[in-house]
Amino acid sequence: MTTQQSVDDQLRLGEIIRRQRELAELSMRQVAAMAGISNPYLSQIERGLRAPSEEVLRAIAESLNISADLLRGDQPADGSAEVVGAIQSDPDLTSSQRRSLIEAYQALRQVTVNRRRDRGVR
């Protein structure tokens, strides 16, 4: 990975974090406090000036009620990220409604995955 790719990845990650924070209707101070990091550090991450450690990224993701993989832009091959992304980007839903829908979707999906696995089907 080149230095430019690394900088571009940091900028992209920061933009995703900021967008998700705004969708969750949380201030930078709120997310920083929930993640256990300083407000200036979160600001630097969002602006692409600092790359968070894996531990910090997981804490930020947990504060936003999403997975660290989604913050990184990783998409699971099964397409579930598209559904979660659509829910998260719907401006007509409140933060609480988004969380509830995502939790319900993931729980129902996990039940189906477990049943298929138990039957040996995919």
PDB file of N, CA and C in Angstrom:
ATOM      1  N   MET A   1       0.842  -1.175   0.000  1.00  0.00           N
ATOM      2  CA  MET A   1       0.000   0.000   0.000  1.00  0.00           C
ATOM      3  C   MET A   1       0.887   1.238   0.000  1.00  0.00           C
ATOM      4  N   THR A   2       0.578   2.151  -0.888  1.00  0.00           N
ATOM      5  CA  THR A   2       1.371   3.372  -0.952  1.00  0.00           C
ATOM      6  C   THR A   2       0.928   4.335   0.143  1.00  0.00           C
ATOM      7  N   THR A   3       1.759   5.324   0.367  1.00  0.00           N
ATOM      8  CA  THR A   3       1.420   6.338   1.364  1.00  0.00           C
ATOM      9  C   THR A   3       0.150   7.071   0.958  1.00  0.00           C
ATOM     10  N   GLN A   4      -0.019   7.356  -0.332  1.00  0.00           N
ATOM     11  CA  GLN A   4      -1.212   8.050  -0.815  1.00  0.00           C
ATOM     12  C   GLN A   4      -2.459   7.197  -0.578  1.00  0.00           C
ATOM     13  N   GLN A   5      -2.365   5.877  -0.817  1.00  0.00           N
ATOM     14  CA  GLN A   5      -3.504   4.999  -0.556  1.00  0.00           C
ATOM     15  C   GLN A   5      -3.863   5.029   0.920  1.00  0.00           C
ATOM     16  N   SER A   6      -2.864   5.026   1.777  1.00  0.00           N
ATOM     17  CA  SER A   6      -3.086   5.053   3.217  1.00  0.00           C
ATOM     18  C   SER A   6      -3.803   6.340   3.618  1.00  0.00           C
ATOM     19  N   VAL A   7      -3.368   7.462   3.078  1.00  0.00           N
ATOM     20  CA  VAL A   7      -4.005   8.752   3.368  1.00  0.00           C
ATOM     21  C   VAL A   7      -5.436   8.752   2.841  1.00  0.00           C
ATOM     22  N   ASP A   8      -5.643   8.236   1.630  1.00  0.00           N
ATOM     23  CA  ASP A   8      -6.988   8.171   1.057  1.00  0.00           C
ATOM     24  C   ASP A   8      -7.895   7.283   1.904  1.00  0.00           C
ATOM     25  N   ASP A   9      -7.370   6.153   2.390  1.00  0.00           N
ATOM     26  CA  ASP A   9      -8.141   5.256   3.250  1.00  0.00           C
ATOM     27  C   ASP A   9      -8.522   5.943   4.555  1.00  0.00           C
ATOM     28  N   GLN A  10      -7.604   6.702   5.138  1.00  0.00           N
ATOM     29  CA  GLN A  10      -7.876   7.438   6.370  1.00  0.00           C
ATOM     30  C   GLN A  10      -8.980   8.467   6.144  1.00  0.00           C
ATOM     31  N   LEU A  11      -8.906   9.185   5.021  1.00  0.00           N
ATOM     32  CA  LEU A  11      -9.932  10.181   4.702  1.00  0.00           C
ATOM     33  C   LEU A  11     -11.287   9.516   4.530  1.00  0.00           C
ATOM     34  N   ARG A  12     -11.312   8.400   3.809  1.00  0.00           N
ATOM     35  CA  ARG A  12     -12.553   7.672   3.570  1.00  0.00           C
ATOM     36  C   ARG A  12     -13.142   7.176   4.883  1.00  0.00           C
ATOM     37  N   LEU A  13     -12.305   6.592   5.729  1.00  0.00           N
ATOM     38  CA  LEU A  13     -12.758   6.099   7.022  1.00  0.00           C
ATOM     39  C   LEU A  13     -13.324   7.241   7.857  1.00  0.00           C
ATOM     40  N   GLY A  14     -12.615   8.359   7.896  1.00  0.00           N
ATOM     41  CA  GLY A  14     -13.082   9.512   8.648  1.00  0.00           C
ATOM     42  C   GLY A  14     -14.418  10.029   8.158  1.00  0.00           C
ATOM     43  N   GLU A  15     -14.594  10.051   6.836  1.00  0.00           N
ATOM     44  CA  GLU A  15     -15.861  10.500   6.254  1.00  0.00           C
ATOM     45  C   GLU A  15     -16.992   9.554   6.624  1.00  0.00           C
ATOM     46  N   ILE A  16     -16.722   8.259   6.607  1.00  0.00           N
ATOM     47  CA  ILE A  16     -17.743   7.270   6.965  1.00  0.00           C
ATOM     48  C   ILE A  16     -18.132   7.431   8.430  1.00  0.00           C
ATOM     49  N   ILE A  17     -17.137   7.588   9.290  1.00  0.00           N
ATOM     50  CA  ILE A  17     -17.422   7.768  10.722  1.00  0.00           C
ATOM     51  C   ILE A  17     -18.270   9.019  10.930  1.00  0.00           C
ATOM     52  N   ARG A  18     -17.881  10.125  10.310  1.00  0.00           N
ATOM     53  CA  ARG A  18     -18.638  11.366  10.459  1.00  0.00           C
ATOM     54  C   ARG A  18     -20.072  11.198   9.968  1.00  0.00           C
ATOM     55  N   ARG A  19     -20.233  10.583   8.808  1.00  0.00           N
ATOM     56  CA  ARG A  19     -21.573  10.386   8.230  1.00  0.00           C
ATOM     57  C   ARG A  19     -22.437   9.520   9.151  1.00  0.00           C
ATOM     58  N   GLN A  20     -21.842   8.447   9.672  1.00  0.00           N
ATOM     59  CA  GLN A  20     -22.599   7.569  10.565  1.00  0.00           C
ATOM     60  C   GLN A  20     -22.947   8.283  11.876  1.00  0.00           C
ATOM     61  N   ARG A  21     -22.032   9.097  12.369  1.00  0.00           N
ATOM     62  CA  ARG A  21     -22.289   9.869  13.593  1.00  0.00           C
ATOM     63  C   ARG A  21     -23.453  10.828  13.370  1.00  0.00           C
ATOM     64  N   GLU A  22     -23.447  11.493  12.224  1.00  0.00           N
ATOM     65  CA  GLU A  22     -24.520  12.428  11.911  1.00  0.00           C
ATOM     66  C   GLU A  22     -25.851  11.706  11.721  1.00  0.00           C
ATOM     67  N   LEU A  23     -25.826  10.540  11.076  1.00  0.00           N
ATOM     68  CA  LEU A  23     -27.048   9.756  10.908  1.00  0.00           C
ATOM     69  C   LEU A  23     -27.615   9.317  12.257  1.00  0.00           C
ATOM     70  N   ALA A  24     -26.723   9.029  13.191  1.00  0.00           N
ATOM     71  CA  ALA A  24     -27.140   8.629  14.538  1.00  0.00           C
ATOM     72  C   ALA A  24     -27.560   9.821  15.381  1.00  0.00           C
ATOM     73  N   GLU A  25     -27.427  11.023  14.800  1.00  0.00           N
ATOM     74  CA  GLU A  25     -27.791  12.260  15.477  1.00  0.00           C
ATOM     75  C   GLU A  25     -27.032  12.426  16.796  1.00  0.00           C
ATOM     76  N   LEU A  26     -25.737  12.145  16.733  1.00  0.00           N
ATOM     77  CA  LEU A  26     -24.868  12.277  17.904  1.00  0.00           C
ATOM     78  C   LEU A  26     -23.813  13.342  17.633  1.00  0.00           C
ATOM     79  N   SER A  27     -23.481  14.092  18.658  1.00  0.00           N
ATOM     80  CA  SER A  27     -22.422  15.088  18.513  1.00  0.00           C
ATOM     81  C   SER A  27     -21.063  14.389  18.586  1.00  0.00           C
ATOM     82  N   MET A  28     -20.054  15.092  18.141  1.00  0.00           N
ATOM     83  CA  MET A  28     -18.705  14.556  18.218  1.00  0.00           C
ATOM     84  C   MET A  28     -18.336  14.284  19.678  1.00  0.00           C
ATOM     85  N   ARG A  29     -18.715  15.184  20.563  1.00  0.00           N
ATOM     86  CA  ARG A  29     -18.427  15.012  21.990  1.00  0.00           C
ATOM     87  C   ARG A  29     -19.089  13.750  22.550  1.00  0.00           C
ATOM     88  N   GLN A  30     -20.336  13.500  22.138  1.00  0.00           N
ATOM     89  CA  GLN A  30     -21.049  12.321  22.630  1.00  0.00           C
ATOM     90  C   GLN A  30     -20.346  11.034  22.193  1.00  0.00           C
ATOM     91  N   VAL A  31     -20.014  10.949  20.916  1.00  0.00           N
ATOM     92  CA  VAL A  31     -19.368   9.738  20.400  1.00  0.00           C
ATOM     93  C   VAL A  31     -17.993   9.557  21.044  1.00  0.00           C
ATOM     94  N   ALA A  32     -17.247  10.632  21.169  1.00  0.00           N
ATOM     95  CA  ALA A  32     -15.924  10.545  21.791  1.00  0.00           C
ATOM     96  C   ALA A  32     -16.048  10.031  23.228  1.00  0.00           C
ATOM     97  N   ALA A  33     -17.007  10.567  23.980  1.00  0.00           N
ATOM     98  CA  ALA A  33     -17.194  10.125  25.368  1.00  0.00           C
ATOM     99  C   ALA A  33     -17.604   8.655  25.424  1.00  0.00           C
ATOM    100  N   MET A  34     -18.521   8.236  24.542  1.00  0.00           N
ATOM    101  CA  MET A  34     -18.972   6.844  24.539  1.00  0.00           C
ATOM    102  C   MET A  34     -17.844   5.895  24.137  1.00  0.00           C
ATOM    103  N   ALA A  35     -16.967   6.353  23.243  1.00  0.00           N
ATOM    104  CA  ALA A  35     -15.862   5.512  22.765  1.00  0.00           C
ATOM    105  C   ALA A  35     -14.660   5.564  23.704  1.00  0.00           C
ATOM    106  N   GLY A  36     -14.690   6.492  24.659  1.00  0.00           N
ATOM    107  CA  GLY A  36     -13.576   6.600  25.604  1.00  0.00           C
ATOM    108  C   GLY A  36     -12.333   7.249  25.016  1.00  0.00           C
ATOM    109  N   ILE A  37     -12.552   8.151  24.068  1.00  0.00           N
ATOM    110  CA  ILE A  37     -11.432   8.883  23.457  1.00  0.00           C
ATOM    111  C   ILE A  37     -11.703  10.374  23.587  1.00  0.00           C
ATOM    112  N   SER A  38     -10.694  11.185  23.309  1.00  0.00           N
ATOM    113  CA  SER A  38     -10.884  12.630  23.419  1.00  0.00           C
ATOM    114  C   SER A  38     -11.599  13.172  22.181  1.00  0.00           C
ATOM    115  N   ASN A  39     -12.292  14.272  22.387  1.00  0.00           N
ATOM    116  CA  ASN A  39     -12.971  14.955  21.293  1.00  0.00           C
ATOM    117  C   ASN A  39     -11.983  15.364  20.185  1.00  0.00           C
ATOM    118  N   PRO A  40     -10.816  15.946  20.529  1.00  0.00           N
ATOM    119  CA  PRO A  40      -9.864  16.315  19.469  1.00  0.00           C
ATOM    120  C   PRO A  40      -9.361  15.099  18.664  1.00  0.00           C
ATOM    121  N   TYR A  41      -9.187  13.968  19.340  1.00  0.00           N
ATOM    122  CA  TYR A  41      -8.724  12.766  18.643  1.00  0.00           C
ATOM    123  C   TYR A  41      -9.781  12.295  17.640  1.00  0.00           C
ATOM    124  N   LEU A  42     -11.057  12.278  18.052  1.00  0.00           N
ATOM    125  CA  LEU A  42     -12.124  11.897  17.125  1.00  0.00           C
ATOM    126  C   LEU A  42     -12.182  12.879  15.957  1.00  0.00           C
ATOM    127  N   SER A  43     -12.012  14.149  16.231  1.00  0.00           N
ATOM    128  CA  SER A  43     -11.999  15.152  15.175  1.00  0.00           C
ATOM    129  C   SER A  43     -10.886  14.863  14.164  1.00  0.00           C
ATOM    130  N   GLN A  44      -9.711  14.517  14.659  1.00  0.00           N
ATOM    131  CA  GLN A  44      -8.590  14.207  13.771  1.00  0.00           C
ATOM    132  C   GLN A  44      -8.875  12.952  12.945  1.00  0.00           C
ATOM    133  N   ILE A  45      -9.519  11.967  13.544  1.00  0.00           N
ATOM    134  CA  ILE A  45      -9.879  10.744  12.810  1.00  0.00           C
ATOM    135  C   ILE A  45     -10.871  11.089  11.702  1.00  0.00           C
ATOM    136  N   GLU A  46     -11.898  11.863  12.046  1.00  0.00           N
ATOM    137  CA  GLU A  46     -12.916  12.225  11.057  1.00  0.00           C
ATOM    138  C   GLU A  46     -12.340  13.038   9.897  1.00  0.00           C
ATOM    139  N   ARG A  47     -11.317  13.830  10.175  1.00  0.00           N
ATOM    140  CA  ARG A  47     -10.701  14.649   9.109  1.00  0.00           C
ATOM    141  C   ARG A  47      -9.591  13.899   8.369  1.00  0.00           C
ATOM    142  N   GLY A  48      -9.345  12.648   8.757  1.00  0.00           N
ATOM    143  CA  GLY A  48      -8.339  11.842   8.075  1.00  0.00           C
ATOM    144  C   GLY A  48      -6.912  12.154   8.473  1.00  0.00           C
ATOM    145  N   LEU A  49      -6.743  12.870   9.587  1.00  0.00           N
ATOM    146  CA  LEU A  49      -5.395  13.231  10.028  1.00  0.00           C
ATOM    147  C   LEU A  49      -4.746  12.140  10.872  1.00  0.00           C
ATOM    148  N   ARG A  50      -5.555  11.301  11.492  1.00  0.00           N
ATOM    149  CA  ARG A  50      -5.047  10.206  12.329  1.00  0.00           C
ATOM    150  C   ARG A  50      -5.778   8.928  11.957  1.00  0.00           C
ATOM    151  N   ALA A  51      -5.077   7.825  12.028  1.00  0.00           N
ATOM    152  CA  ALA A  51      -5.694   6.519  11.800  1.00  0.00           C
ATOM    153  C   ALA A  51      -5.947   5.870  13.160  1.00  0.00           C
ATOM    154  N   PRO A  52      -7.186   5.477  13.447  1.00  0.00           N
ATOM    155  CA  PRO A  52      -7.463   4.870  14.743  1.00  0.00           C
ATOM    156  C   PRO A  52      -6.922   3.444  14.822  1.00  0.00           C
ATOM    157  N   SER A  53      -6.573   3.036  16.036  1.00  0.00           N
ATOM    158  CA  SER A  53      -6.187   1.640  16.246  1.00  0.00           C
ATOM    159  C   SER A  53      -7.441   0.783  16.072  1.00  0.00           C
ATOM    160  N   GLU A  54      -7.242  -0.510  15.965  1.00  0.00           N
ATOM    161  CA  GLU A  54      -8.381  -1.420  15.829  1.00  0.00           C
ATOM    162  C   GLU A  54      -9.289  -1.315  17.055  1.00  0.00           C
ATOM    163  N   GLU A  55      -8.691  -1.171  18.215  1.00  0.00           N
ATOM    164  CA  GLU A  55      -9.465  -1.055  19.462  1.00  0.00           C
ATOM    165  C   GLU A  55     -10.320   0.216  19.459  1.00  0.00           C
ATOM    166  N   VAL A  56      -9.751   1.324  19.035  1.00  0.00           N
ATOM    167  CA  VAL A  56     -10.488   2.588  18.973  1.00  0.00           C
ATOM    168  C   VAL A  56     -11.588   2.503  17.917  1.00  0.00           C
ATOM    169  N   LEU A  57     -11.283   1.894  16.779  1.00  0.00           N
ATOM    170  CA  LEU A  57     -12.281   1.750  15.725  1.00  0.00           C
ATOM    171  C   LEU A  57     -13.469   0.932  16.219  1.00  0.00           C
ATOM    172  N   ARG A  58     -13.192  -0.156  16.942  1.00  0.00           N
ATOM    173  CA  ARG A  58     -14.282  -0.974  17.495  1.00  0.00           C
ATOM    174  C   ARG A  58     -15.108  -0.170  18.506  1.00  0.00           C
ATOM    175  N   ALA A  59     -14.445   0.648  19.329  1.00  0.00           N
ATOM    176  CA  ALA A  59     -15.157   1.460  20.320  1.00  0.00           C
ATOM    177  C   ALA A  59     -16.047   2.499  19.635  1.00  0.00           C
ATOM    178  N   ILE A  60     -15.545   3.110  18.574  1.00  0.00           N
ATOM    179  CA  ILE A  60     -16.349   4.081  17.823  1.00  0.00           C
ATOM    180  C   ILE A  60     -17.544   3.376  17.189  1.00  0.00           C
ATOM    181  N   ALA A  61     -17.294   2.221  16.580  1.00  0.00           N
ATOM    182  CA  ALA A  61     -18.369   1.460  15.942  1.00  0.00           C
ATOM    183  C   ALA A  61     -19.439   1.081  16.956  1.00  0.00           C
ATOM    184  N   GLU A  62     -19.014   0.628  18.114  1.00  0.00           N
ATOM    185  CA  GLU A  62     -19.964   0.256  19.166  1.00  0.00           C
ATOM    186  C   GLU A  62     -20.784   1.478  19.592  1.00  0.00           C
ATOM    187  N   SER A  63     -20.149   2.623  19.687  1.00  0.00           N
ATOM    188  CA  SER A  63     -20.851   3.856  20.055  1.00  0.00           C
ATOM    189  C   SER A  63     -21.915   4.217  19.021  1.00  0.00           C
ATOM    190  N   LEU A  64     -21.651   3.868  17.767  1.00  0.00           N
ATOM    191  CA  LEU A  64     -22.570   4.178  16.677  1.00  0.00           C
ATOM    192  C   LEU A  64     -23.536   3.023  16.384  1.00  0.00           C
ATOM    193  N   ASN A  65     -23.406   1.932  17.155  1.00  0.00           N
ATOM    194  CA  ASN A  65     -24.256   0.746  16.991  1.00  0.00           C
ATOM    195  C   ASN A  65     -24.142   0.119  15.605  1.00  0.00           C
ATOM    196  N   ILE A  66     -22.921   0.095  15.080  1.00  0.00           N
ATOM    197  CA  ILE A  66     -22.667  -0.585  13.813  1.00  0.00           C
ATOM    198  C   ILE A  66     -21.371  -1.370  13.961  1.00  0.00           C
ATOM    199  N   SER A  67     -21.061  -2.180  12.969  1.00  0.00           N
ATOM    200  CA  SER A  67     -19.840  -2.985  13.057  1.00  0.00           C
ATOM    201  C   SER A  67     -18.625  -2.191  12.566  1.00  0.00           C
ATOM    202  N   ALA A  68     -17.480  -2.558  13.090  1.00  0.00           N
ATOM    203  CA  ALA A  68     -16.235  -1.946  12.636  1.00  0.00           C
ATOM    204  C   ALA A  68     -16.015  -2.252  11.154  1.00  0.00           C
ATOM    205  N   ASP A  69     -16.468  -3.413  10.700  1.00  0.00           N
ATOM    206  CA  ASP A  69     -16.335  -3.769   9.284  1.00  0.00           C
ATOM    207  C   ASP A  69     -17.087  -2.779   8.394  1.00  0.00           C
ATOM    208  N   LEU A  70     -18.281  -2.381   8.833  1.00  0.00           N
ATOM    209  CA  LEU A  70     -19.034  -1.409   8.038  1.00  0.00           C
ATOM    210  C   LEU A  70     -18.337  -0.056   8.018  1.00  0.00           C
ATOM    211  N   LEU A  71     -17.722   0.321   9.146  1.00  0.00           N
ATOM    212  CA  LEU A  71     -16.974   1.586   9.155  1.00  0.00           C
ATOM    213  C   LEU A  71     -15.799   1.529   8.193  1.00  0.00           C
ATOM    214  N   ARG A  72     -15.151   0.377   8.127  1.00  0.00           N
ATOM    215  CA  ARG A  72     -14.013   0.216   7.218  1.00  0.00           C
ATOM    216  C   ARG A  72     -14.462   0.165   5.762  1.00  0.00           C
ATOM    217  N   GLY A  73     -15.750  -0.030   5.555  1.00  0.00           N
ATOM    218  CA  GLY A  73     -16.257  -0.146   4.193  1.00  0.00           C
ATOM    219  C   GLY A  73     -16.245  -1.568   3.691  1.00  0.00           C
ATOM    220  N   ASP A  74     -15.946  -2.523   4.582  1.00  0.00           N
ATOM    221  CA  ASP A  74     -15.960  -3.935   4.194  1.00  0.00           C
ATOM    222  C   ASP A  74     -17.403  -4.383   4.029  1.00  0.00           C
ATOM    223  N   GLN A  75     -17.661  -5.052   2.941  1.00  0.00           N
ATOM    224  CA  GLN A  75     -19.011  -5.538   2.659  1.00  0.00           C
ATOM    225  C   GLN A  75     -19.022  -7.057   2.717  1.00  0.00           C
ATOM    226  N   PRO A  76     -19.864  -7.660   3.560  1.00  0.00           N
ATOM    227  CA  PRO A  76     -19.950  -9.108   3.543  1.00  0.00           C
ATOM    228  C   PRO A  76     -20.495  -9.592   2.202  1.00  0.00           C
ATOM    229  N   ALA A  77     -20.065 -10.750   1.785  1.00  0.00           N
ATOM    230  CA  ALA A  77     -20.457 -11.288   0.487  1.00  0.00           C
ATOM    231  C   ALA A  77     -21.942 -11.622   0.412  1.00  0.00           C
ATOM    232  N   ASP A  78     -22.597 -11.759   1.565  1.00  0.00           N
ATOM    233  CA  ASP A  78     -23.992 -12.178   1.564  1.00  0.00           C
ATOM    234  C   ASP A  78     -24.988 -11.065   1.259  1.00  0.00           C
ATOM    235  N   GLY A  79     -24.553  -9.837   1.172  1.00  0.00           N
ATOM    236  CA  GLY A  79     -25.429  -8.741   0.824  1.00  0.00           C
ATOM    237  C   GLY A  79     -26.150  -8.101   1.999  1.00  0.00           C
ATOM    238  N   SER A  80     -25.949  -8.605   3.206  1.00  0.00           N
ATOM    239  CA  SER A  80     -26.655  -8.023   4.355  1.00  0.00           C
ATOM    240  C   SER A  80     -26.239  -6.575   4.615  1.00  0.00           C
ATOM    241  N   ALA A  81     -25.030  -6.221   4.241  1.00  0.00           N
ATOM    242  CA  ALA A  81     -24.562  -4.847   4.451  1.00  0.00           C
ATOM    243  C   ALA A  81     -25.397  -3.853   3.647  1.00  0.00           C
ATOM    244  N   GLU A  82     -25.903  -4.282   2.500  1.00  0.00           N
ATOM    245  CA  GLU A  82     -26.744  -3.395   1.694  1.00  0.00           C
ATOM    246  C   GLU A  82     -28.031  -3.059   2.425  1.00  0.00           C
ATOM    247  N   VAL A  83     -28.615  -4.059   3.081  1.00  0.00           N
ATOM    248  CA  VAL A  83     -29.848  -3.833   3.830  1.00  0.00           C
ATOM    249  C   VAL A  83     -29.567  -2.902   5.003  1.00  0.00           C
ATOM    250  N   VAL A  84     -28.519  -3.201   5.766  1.00  0.00           N
ATOM    251  CA  VAL A  84     -28.155  -2.373   6.913  1.00  0.00           C
ATOM    252  C   VAL A  84     -27.825  -0.957   6.443  1.00  0.00           C
ATOM    253  N   GLY A  85     -27.099  -0.838   5.354  1.00  0.00           N
ATOM    254  CA  GLY A  85     -26.754   0.476   4.814  1.00  0.00           C
ATOM    255  C   GLY A  85     -27.985   1.274   4.414  1.00  0.00           C
ATOM    256  N   ALA A  86     -28.959   0.593   3.815  1.00  0.00           N
ATOM    257  CA  ALA A  86     -30.195   1.267   3.421  1.00  0.00           C
ATOM    258  C   ALA A  86     -30.951   1.765   4.649  1.00  0.00           C
ATOM    259  N   ILE A  87     -30.998   0.948   5.675  1.00  0.00           N
ATOM    260  CA  ILE A  87     -31.665   1.360   6.913  1.00  0.00           C
ATOM    261  C   ILE A  87     -30.934   2.556   7.510  1.00  0.00           C
ATOM    262  N   GLN A  88     -29.607   2.486   7.576  1.00  0.00           N
ATOM    263  CA  GLN A  88     -28.830   3.550   8.192  1.00  0.00           C
ATOM    264  C   GLN A  88     -28.905   4.855   7.425  1.00  0.00           C
ATOM    265  N   SER A  89     -29.109   4.791   6.138  1.00  0.00           N
ATOM    266  CA  SER A  89     -29.109   6.022   5.348  1.00  0.00           C
ATOM    267  C   SER A  89     -30.499   6.610   5.135  1.00  0.00           C
ATOM    268  N   ASP A  90     -31.529   5.966   5.674  1.00  0.00           N
ATOM    269  CA  ASP A  90     -32.884   6.480   5.505  1.00  0.00           C
ATOM    270  C   ASP A  90     -33.096   7.716   6.379  1.00  0.00           C
ATOM    271  N   PRO A  91     -33.262   8.879   5.775  1.00  0.00           N
ATOM    272  CA  PRO A  91     -33.391  10.108   6.565  1.00  0.00           C
ATOM    273  C   PRO A  91     -34.728  10.225   7.295  1.00  0.00           C
ATOM    274  N   ASP A  92     -35.702   9.378   6.936  1.00  0.00           N
ATOM    275  CA  ASP A  92     -37.014   9.449   7.570  1.00  0.00           C
ATOM    276  C   ASP A  92     -37.116   8.626   8.843  1.00  0.00           C
ATOM    277  N   LEU A  93     -36.040   7.922   9.196  1.00  0.00           N
ATOM    278  CA  LEU A  93     -36.030   7.131  10.422  1.00  0.00           C
ATOM    279  C   LEU A  93     -35.221   7.853  11.488  1.00  0.00           C
ATOM    280  N   THR A  94     -35.665   7.720  12.721  1.00  0.00           N
ATOM    281  CA  THR A  94     -34.880   8.276  13.820  1.00  0.00           C
ATOM    282  C   THR A  94     -33.746   7.304  14.138  1.00  0.00           C
ATOM    283  N   SER A  95     -32.795   7.766  14.917  1.00  0.00           N
ATOM    284  CA  SER A  95     -31.673   6.927  15.322  1.00  0.00           C
ATOM    285  C   SER A  95     -32.170   5.671  16.039  1.00  0.00           C
ATOM    286  N   SER A  96     -33.128   5.839  16.902  1.00  0.00           N
ATOM    287  CA  SER A  96     -33.695   4.716  17.657  1.00  0.00           C
ATOM    288  C   SER A  96     -34.393   3.723  16.718  1.00  0.00           C
ATOM    289  N   GLN A  97     -35.113   4.233  15.749  1.00  0.00           N
ATOM    290  CA  GLN A  97     -35.785   3.361  14.784  1.00  0.00           C
ATOM    291  C   GLN A  97     -34.770   2.586  13.946  1.00  0.00           C
ATOM    292  N   ARG A  98     -33.689   3.267  13.542  1.00  0.00           N
ATOM    293  CA  ARG A  98     -32.641   2.596  12.772  1.00  0.00           C
ATOM    294  C   ARG A  98     -32.050   1.441  13.569  1.00  0.00           C
ATOM    295  N   ARG A  99     -31.690   1.722  14.822  1.00  0.00           N
ATOM    296  CA  ARG A  99     -31.101   0.678  15.666  1.00  0.00           C
ATOM    297  C   ARG A  99     -32.049  -0.505  15.820  1.00  0.00           C
ATOM    298  N   SER A 100     -33.336  -0.214  16.065  1.00  0.00           N
ATOM    299  CA  SER A 100     -34.322  -1.280  16.253  1.00  0.00           C
ATOM    300  C   SER A 100     -34.476  -2.127  14.991  1.00  0.00           C
ATOM    301  N   LEU A 101     -34.567  -1.472  13.852  1.00  0.00           N
ATOM    302  CA  LEU A 101     -34.704  -2.211  12.590  1.00  0.00           C
ATOM    303  C   LEU A 101     -33.476  -3.081  12.311  1.00  0.00           C
ATOM    304  N   ILE A 102     -32.307  -2.512  12.521  1.00  0.00           N
ATOM    305  CA  ILE A 102     -31.071  -3.269  12.276  1.00  0.00           C
ATOM    306  C   ILE A 102     -30.972  -4.460  13.223  1.00  0.00           C
ATOM    307  N   GLU A 103     -31.282  -4.239  14.504  1.00  0.00           N
ATOM    308  CA  GLU A 103     -31.240  -5.341  15.465  1.00  0.00           C
ATOM    309  C   GLU A 103     -32.225  -6.437  15.089  1.00  0.00           C
ATOM    310  N   ALA A 104     -33.454  -6.054  14.709  1.00  0.00           N
ATOM    311  CA  ALA A 104     -34.463  -7.041  14.318  1.00  0.00           C
ATOM    312  C   ALA A 104     -34.010  -7.797  13.064  1.00  0.00           C
ATOM    313  N   TYR A 105     -33.523  -7.067  12.077  1.00  0.00           N
ATOM    314  CA  TYR A 105     -33.051  -7.700  10.841  1.00  0.00           C
ATOM    315  C   TYR A 105     -31.928  -8.695  11.124  1.00  0.00           C
ATOM    316  N   GLN A 106     -30.935  -8.266  11.906  1.00  0.00           N
ATOM    317  CA  GLN A 106     -29.810  -9.148  12.196  1.00  0.00           C
ATOM    318  C   GLN A 106     -30.238 -10.367  13.003  1.00  0.00           C
ATOM    319  N   ALA A 107     -31.156 -10.188  13.946  1.00  0.00           N
ATOM    320  CA  ALA A 107     -31.636 -11.323  14.745  1.00  0.00           C
ATOM    321  C   ALA A 107     -32.399 -12.316  13.870  1.00  0.00           C
ATOM    322  N   LEU A 108     -33.302 -11.819  13.024  1.00  0.00           N
ATOM    323  CA  LEU A 108     -34.055 -12.708  12.136  1.00  0.00           C
ATOM    324  C   LEU A 108     -33.132 -13.419  11.156  1.00  0.00           C
ATOM    325  N   ARG A 109     -32.180 -12.693  10.639  1.00  0.00           N
ATOM    326  CA  ARG A 109     -31.226 -13.271   9.699  1.00  0.00           C
ATOM    327  C   ARG A 109     -30.399 -14.368  10.362  1.00  0.00           C
ATOM    328  N   GLN A 110     -29.971 -14.117  11.604  1.00  0.00           N
ATOM    329  CA  GLN A 110     -29.168 -15.104  12.322  1.00  0.00           C
ATOM    330  C   GLN A 110     -29.973 -16.382  12.583  1.00  0.00           C
ATOM    331  N   VAL A 111     -31.263 -16.253  12.886  1.00  0.00           N
ATOM    332  CA  VAL A 111     -32.123 -17.424  13.087  1.00  0.00           C
ATOM    333  C   VAL A 111     -32.138 -18.267  11.813  1.00  0.00           C
ATOM    334  N   THR A 112     -32.309 -17.611  10.678  1.00  0.00           N
ATOM    335  CA  THR A 112     -32.339 -18.326   9.402  1.00  0.00           C
ATOM    336  C   THR A 112     -30.998 -18.986   9.101  1.00  0.00           C
ATOM    337  N   VAL A 113     -29.908 -18.263   9.310  1.00  0.00           N
ATOM    338  CA  VAL A 113     -28.566 -18.812   9.069  1.00  0.00           C
ATOM    339  C   VAL A 113     -28.340 -20.039   9.958  1.00  0.00           C
ATOM    340  N   ASN A 114     -28.727 -19.954  11.223  1.00  0.00           N
ATOM    341  CA  ASN A 114     -28.550 -21.087  12.141  1.00  0.00           C
ATOM    342  C   ASN A 114     -29.383 -22.284  11.719  1.00  0.00           C
ATOM    343  N   ARG A 115     -30.628 -22.051  11.301  1.00  0.00           N
ATOM    344  CA  ARG A 115     -31.486 -23.163  10.843  1.00  0.00           C
ATOM    345  C   ARG A 115     -30.894 -23.834   9.618  1.00  0.00           C
ATOM    346  N   ARG A 116     -30.432 -23.024   8.676  1.00  0.00           N
ATOM    347  CA  ARG A 116     -29.833 -23.598   7.468  1.00  0.00           C
ATOM    348  C   ARG A 116     -28.573 -24.388   7.806  1.00  0.00           C
ATOM    349  N   ARG A 117     -27.771 -23.846   8.695  1.00  0.00           N
ATOM    350  CA  ARG A 117     -26.546 -24.528   9.092  1.00  0.00           C
ATOM    351  C   ARG A 117     -26.875 -25.856   9.776  1.00  0.00           C
ATOM    352  N   ASP A 118     -27.889 -25.862  10.637  1.00  0.00           N
ATOM    353  CA  ASP A 118     -28.289 -27.081  11.334  1.00  0.00           C
ATOM    354  C   ASP A 118     -28.821 -28.135  10.365  1.00  0.00           C
ATOM    355  N   ARG A 119     -29.435 -27.692   9.290  1.00  0.00           N
ATOM    356  CA  ARG A 119     -29.956 -28.620   8.268  1.00  0.00           C
ATOM    357  C   ARG A 119     -28.922 -28.948   7.201  1.00  0.00           C
ATOM    358  N   GLY A 120     -27.780 -28.246   7.257  1.00  0.00           N
ATOM    359  CA  GLY A 120     -26.742 -28.483   6.260  1.00  0.00           C
ATOM    360  C   GLY A 120     -27.030 -27.812   4.937  1.00  0.00           C
ATOM    361  N   VAL A 121     -27.837 -26.760   4.949  1.00  0.00           N
ATOM    362  CA  VAL A 121     -28.204 -26.023   3.738  1.00  0.00           C
ATOM    363  C   VAL A 121     -27.605 -24.633   3.810  1.00  0.00           C
ATOM    364  N   ARG A 122     -27.307 -24.067   2.645  1.00  0.00           N
ATOM    365  CA  ARG A 122     -26.859 -22.670   2.615  1.00  0.00           C
ATOM    366  C   ARG A 122     -27.576 -21.883   1.597  1.00  0.00           C
TER     367      ARG A 122
END
